[in-house]
Amino acid sequence: MHPSRQCRTTRVLFSLACAFTTLAGVVGAEPKTNGFAVADFLLAPLRVHLLTATNEPAIHTQLSSNDVVRILGKVNRVWAQAGVTFYLESLRTEAASNPTNYAQRAKEDERTTLLSLRPRHSLATNCFHVFYLHQIQPNGIYFNDQGIFVKDTARLRPVAGGLDEPLPRVTAHELGHALTLPHRQDVTNLLASGMSGGWLNTQEIAQARTAAQQHPWVEPAAALLKRTEDLQRKGGVDEVRELRRRLSFVPLAGDAGLGR
């Protein structure tokens, strides 16, 4: 790399590091875990679907776009301890497919019924998908690479140092499954069932980061910073704006840990 270009890259990294900070682990009942510099973060696209069905109240979510912003902010404060950020690739408020007799069909075959609700036109293979609806049996469920479903009526048992509301915790928990993490019944852990805890241990952090990097559409922040600098030189205003938007989902200084 040319020395002047290397200096510019260093300055950009330093300024963003000052803005975003080096994030430590979750505070609470568990010890702190690894911290990650901003350049070491992995940025994963997340497509959020707010499912609607006016004649099927069990499907029709009560969440708004403002709720999604709040939820995702808390999800990313949890995942900051692993150096992973989920940025909002898009937010779709859309009618569920095949909503008729949802409750009865779900009792007979919940997996098939839930997957049938996904609007086909908004599915993609280059992002994680989260579908919010009003009611399912569990708080949330992950179907391999086919999507995550979370009910907006989720309830959790509170634990010391845990999240203050269920939806960010359930979403973060299911994203943990999407990153290959199994259940772990330590009540303060993110992967415990039905609890509000959000802690990840060192092994889980390493495993989740390895799994994230298997997806070609998950990018290191350092790569986005370099692309931003290159595009700025070429005058790519719209592209620079989009890359900065993605980077803006990395939690700011003072936001590490389980947000209130």
Protein backbone atom coordinates (compact mmCIF):
# COMPACT_ATOMS: atom_id res chain seq x y z
CA MET A 1 0.00 0.00 0.00
CA HIS A 2 1.25 3.52 -0.82
CA PRO A 3 2.42 5.31 2.37
CA SER A 4 0.00 8.24 1.98
CA ARG A 5 -2.91 5.86 1.40
CA GLN A 6 -1.89 3.82 4.43
CA CYS A 7 -1.87 6.99 6.54
CA ARG A 8 -5.34 7.96 5.37
CA THR A 9 -6.65 4.47 6.18
CA THR A 10 -5.05 4.65 9.62
CA ARG A 11 -6.66 8.04 10.29
CA VAL A 12 -10.11 6.76 9.29
CA LEU A 13 -9.73 3.69 11.49
CA PHE A 14 -8.54 5.80 14.40
CA SER A 15 -11.36 8.34 14.13
CA LEU A 16 -14.01 5.62 13.96
CA ALA A 17 -12.38 3.78 16.83
CA CYS A 18 -12.63 6.95 18.91
CA ALA A 19 -16.27 7.35 17.97
CA PHE A 20 -17.35 3.75 18.35
CA THR A 21 -14.86 2.69 21.12
CA THR A 22 -13.36 -0.71 21.88
CA LEU A 23 -16.21 -2.72 23.35
CA ALA A 24 -15.90 -4.95 26.39
CA GLY A 25 -18.22 -7.74 27.44
CA VAL A 26 -21.56 -7.66 29.20
CA VAL A 27 -21.59 -6.41 32.76
CA GLY A 28 -23.62 -8.27 35.32
CA ALA A 29 -23.36 -11.58 37.08
CA GLU A 30 -20.78 -13.00 34.67
CA PRO A 31 -17.18 -11.85 34.14
CA LYS A 32 -16.39 -9.62 31.17
CA THR A 33 -15.36 -11.31 27.95
CA ASN A 34 -13.25 -10.31 24.96
CA GLY A 35 -13.21 -6.75 23.64
CA PHE A 36 -13.01 -5.94 19.92
CA ALA A 37 -11.69 -2.91 18.11
CA VAL A 38 -14.09 -1.40 15.58
CA ALA A 39 -12.03 -2.67 12.64
CA ASP A 40 -12.42 -6.23 13.96
CA PHE A 41 -16.23 -6.14 13.96
CA LEU A 42 -18.16 -8.36 11.57
CA LEU A 43 -21.17 -6.69 9.92
CA ALA A 44 -24.08 -8.95 9.02
CA PRO A 45 -27.13 -7.84 6.98
CA LEU A 46 -30.49 -8.42 8.63
CA ARG A 47 -33.82 -8.23 6.80
CA VAL A 48 -36.72 -7.65 9.19
CA HIS A 49 -40.28 -8.59 8.23
CA LEU A 50 -43.30 -7.24 10.15
CA LEU A 51 -46.01 -9.69 9.16
CA THR A 52 -49.59 -8.49 8.79
CA ALA A 53 -52.88 -10.37 8.41
CA THR A 54 -55.98 -8.35 9.21
CA ASN A 55 -58.22 -11.43 9.43
CA GLU A 56 -55.76 -13.50 11.50
CA PRO A 57 -54.94 -11.64 14.73
CA ALA A 58 -52.49 -14.36 15.81
CA ILE A 59 -50.28 -13.37 12.86
CA HIS A 60 -50.77 -9.60 12.76
CA THR A 61 -47.81 -8.02 14.60
CA GLN A 62 -48.26 -4.96 16.79
CA LEU A 63 -44.69 -3.77 16.20
CA SER A 64 -43.75 -0.59 14.35
CA SER A 65 -40.60 0.56 12.59
CA ASN A 66 -39.67 2.50 15.74
CA ASP A 67 -39.88 -0.73 17.74
CA VAL A 68 -37.50 -2.41 15.28
CA VAL A 69 -34.95 0.39 15.68
CA ARG A 70 -35.08 0.03 19.48
CA ILE A 71 -34.90 -3.78 19.36
CA LEU A 72 -31.97 -3.86 16.95
CA GLY A 73 -30.04 -1.33 19.01
CA LYS A 74 -30.27 -3.59 22.05
CA VAL A 75 -29.51 -6.71 20.00
CA ASN A 76 -26.30 -5.09 18.81
CA ARG A 77 -25.26 -4.08 22.31
CA VAL A 78 -25.53 -7.75 23.29
CA TRP A 79 -23.61 -8.95 20.23
CA ALA A 80 -20.94 -6.26 20.65
CA GLN A 81 -19.25 -8.58 23.14
CA ALA A 82 -18.56 -10.93 20.20
CA GLY A 83 -17.59 -8.17 17.79
CA VAL A 84 -20.67 -8.83 15.64
CA THR A 85 -23.15 -6.19 14.43
CA PHE A 86 -26.40 -6.81 12.56
CA TYR A 87 -27.26 -3.88 10.31
CA LEU A 88 -30.74 -3.35 8.93
CA GLU A 89 -30.53 -4.42 5.30
CA SER A 90 -34.24 -3.59 4.91
CA LEU A 91 -37.47 -3.45 6.88
CA ARG A 92 -40.54 -4.95 5.23
CA THR A 93 -44.07 -4.46 6.55
CA GLU A 94 -45.94 -7.00 4.46
CA ALA A 95 -48.91 -9.30 4.30
CA ALA A 96 -48.20 -12.86 5.38
CA SER A 97 -48.63 -15.54 2.75
CA ASN A 98 -51.19 -18.31 3.35
CA PRO A 99 -52.71 -16.79 6.52
CA THR A 100 -56.00 -18.70 6.43
CA ASN A 101 -56.65 -20.97 9.43
CA TYR A 102 -53.22 -20.15 10.79
CA ALA A 103 -53.92 -21.14 14.41
CA GLN A 104 -55.31 -24.56 13.52
CA ARG A 105 -52.60 -25.34 10.97
CA ALA A 106 -49.89 -24.27 13.44
CA LYS A 107 -51.19 -26.76 16.02
CA GLU A 108 -50.87 -29.56 13.48
CA ASP A 109 -47.50 -28.59 11.96
CA GLU A 110 -45.99 -25.39 13.30
CA ARG A 111 -42.80 -25.57 11.26
CA THR A 112 -44.50 -25.94 7.88
CA THR A 113 -47.15 -23.38 8.80
CA LEU A 114 -44.66 -20.71 9.88
CA LEU A 115 -42.45 -21.19 6.84
CA SER A 116 -45.51 -20.89 4.61
CA LEU A 117 -46.17 -17.40 6.01
CA ARG A 118 -42.98 -15.99 4.47
CA PRO A 119 -43.72 -13.70 1.49
CA ARG A 120 -41.75 -15.30 -1.33
CA HIS A 121 -41.04 -12.05 -3.13
CA SER A 122 -39.02 -10.71 -0.18
CA LEU A 123 -36.85 -13.74 0.53
CA ALA A 124 -33.13 -13.56 -0.19
CA THR A 125 -30.07 -15.73 0.38
CA ASN A 126 -27.62 -12.92 1.18
CA CYS A 127 -28.89 -11.89 4.62
CA PHE A 128 -30.40 -13.15 7.86
CA HIS A 129 -34.20 -12.97 8.07
CA VAL A 130 -36.29 -12.19 11.17
CA PHE A 131 -40.08 -12.42 10.95
CA TYR A 132 -42.13 -10.79 13.70
CA LEU A 133 -45.69 -11.92 14.25
CA HIS A 134 -48.13 -11.80 17.14
CA GLN A 135 -48.35 -15.36 18.44
CA ILE A 136 -46.51 -18.67 18.18
CA GLN A 137 -45.94 -21.39 20.78
CA PRO A 138 -42.33 -20.53 21.76
CA ASN A 139 -40.99 -17.00 22.19
CA GLY A 140 -38.90 -17.47 19.08
CA ILE A 141 -37.70 -20.19 16.76
CA TYR A 142 -34.89 -20.55 14.20
CA PHE A 143 -35.35 -22.76 11.14
CA ASN A 144 -31.82 -23.43 9.89
CA ASP A 145 -31.14 -20.92 7.10
CA GLN A 146 -34.84 -20.39 6.39
CA GLY A 147 -35.50 -17.67 8.91
CA ILE A 148 -36.14 -16.67 12.51
CA PHE A 149 -39.66 -16.14 13.87
CA VAL A 150 -40.26 -14.07 17.01
CA LYS A 151 -43.60 -13.31 18.64
CA ASP A 152 -44.24 -9.77 19.80
CA THR A 153 -45.90 -11.13 22.96
CA ALA A 154 -42.70 -12.82 24.19
CA ARG A 155 -42.21 -13.24 27.94
CA LEU A 156 -39.02 -14.09 29.84
CA ARG A 157 -37.92 -14.80 33.39
CA PRO A 158 -35.71 -11.92 34.57
CA VAL A 159 -32.18 -12.65 35.83
CA ALA A 160 -29.57 -10.39 37.41
CA GLY A 161 -27.87 -8.19 34.82
CA GLY A 162 -30.26 -9.31 32.08
CA LEU A 163 -32.01 -7.35 29.34
CA ASP A 164 -34.87 -5.11 30.36
CA GLU A 165 -37.34 -6.31 27.71
CA PRO A 166 -37.99 -9.66 26.03
CA LEU A 167 -37.97 -8.90 22.29
CA PRO A 168 -34.31 -7.81 21.92
CA ARG A 169 -33.20 -10.75 24.03
CA VAL A 170 -35.30 -13.30 22.11
CA THR A 171 -34.08 -11.88 18.79
CA ALA A 172 -30.44 -11.92 19.95
CA HIS A 173 -30.91 -15.49 21.27
CA GLU A 174 -32.27 -16.78 17.95
CA LEU A 175 -29.50 -15.02 16.05
CA GLY A 176 -27.15 -16.98 18.30
CA HIS A 177 -28.69 -20.18 16.92
CA ALA A 178 -28.24 -18.78 13.41
CA LEU A 179 -24.54 -18.49 14.29
CA THR A 180 -24.51 -22.21 15.30
CA LEU A 181 -24.71 -21.76 19.09
CA PRO A 182 -26.70 -24.43 20.99
CA HIS A 183 -28.75 -23.90 24.15
CA ARG A 184 -26.74 -23.52 27.35
CA GLN A 185 -28.60 -23.59 30.65
CA ASP A 186 -26.52 -21.10 32.60
CA VAL A 187 -29.29 -18.64 33.49
CA THR A 188 -27.27 -15.48 32.73
CA ASN A 189 -26.18 -16.78 29.31
CA LEU A 190 -27.71 -15.56 26.04
CA LEU A 191 -28.40 -19.15 24.99
CA ALA A 192 -30.34 -20.13 28.13
CA SER A 193 -34.01 -20.88 27.40
CA GLY A 194 -36.66 -18.50 28.68
CA MET A 195 -34.30 -16.20 30.61
CA SER A 196 -33.35 -12.55 30.12
CA GLY A 197 -29.57 -13.03 30.35
CA GLY A 198 -27.28 -11.97 27.52
CA TRP A 199 -23.77 -13.12 28.40
CA LEU A 200 -21.59 -15.08 25.93
CA ASN A 201 -18.54 -17.06 27.01
CA THR A 202 -15.20 -17.08 25.20
CA GLN A 203 -15.88 -20.33 23.34
CA GLU A 204 -19.28 -19.09 22.15
CA ILE A 205 -17.76 -15.84 20.92
CA ALA A 206 -15.14 -17.70 18.90
CA GLN A 207 -17.71 -20.15 17.50
CA ALA A 208 -20.17 -17.40 16.53
CA ARG A 209 -17.48 -15.35 14.80
CA THR A 210 -16.26 -18.39 12.87
CA ALA A 211 -19.82 -19.19 11.79
CA ALA A 212 -20.48 -15.58 10.74
CA GLN A 213 -17.39 -15.56 8.57
CA GLN A 214 -18.65 -18.58 6.63
CA HIS A 215 -21.26 -16.31 5.03
CA PRO A 216 -19.76 -14.37 2.10
CA TRP A 217 -22.18 -11.51 2.75
CA VAL A 218 -20.87 -10.90 6.28
CA GLU A 219 -18.07 -8.35 5.98
CA PRO A 220 -15.32 -7.19 8.35
CA ALA A 221 -15.64 -3.55 9.33
CA ALA A 222 -12.06 -3.02 8.17
CA ALA A 223 -13.08 -3.96 4.62
CA LEU A 224 -16.00 -1.51 4.71
CA LEU A 225 -13.72 1.24 5.99
CA LYS A 226 -11.29 0.65 3.14
CA ARG A 227 -14.10 0.64 0.56
CA THR A 228 -15.43 3.86 2.06
CA GLU A 229 -12.06 5.54 1.65
CA ASP A 230 -11.66 4.28 -1.92
CA LEU A 231 -15.14 5.45 -2.89
CA GLN A 232 -14.63 8.85 -1.29
CA ARG A 233 -11.62 9.36 -3.53
CA LYS A 234 -13.71 8.44 -6.57
CA GLY A 235 -16.69 10.57 -5.57
CA GLY A 236 -19.12 7.69 -4.95
CA VAL A 237 -21.43 9.68 -2.68
CA ASP A 238 -24.37 7.27 -2.56
CA GLU A 239 -22.16 4.23 -2.01
CA VAL A 240 -20.23 6.00 0.75
CA ARG A 241 -23.50 6.97 2.45
CA GLU A 242 -24.66 3.34 2.42
CA LEU A 243 -21.40 2.02 3.87
CA ARG A 244 -21.48 4.66 6.59
CA ARG A 245 -25.07 3.67 7.37
CA ARG A 246 -23.99 0.06 7.88
CA LEU A 247 -21.12 1.10 10.12
CA SER A 248 -23.47 3.29 12.17
CA PHE A 249 -25.09 0.13 13.62
CA VAL A 250 -21.91 -0.62 15.58
CA PRO A 251 -22.74 0.52 19.15
CA LEU A 252 -21.32 3.87 20.19
CA ALA A 253 -19.10 4.59 23.17
CA GLY A 254 -20.99 4.00 26.41
CA ASP A 255 -23.45 1.58 24.77
CA ALA A 256 -21.58 -1.65 25.49
CA GLY A 257 -23.39 -4.28 27.52
CA LEU A 258 -27.08 -4.94 28.13
CA GLY A 259 -28.94 -1.77 27.23
CA ARG A 260 -31.79 -0.33 29.23
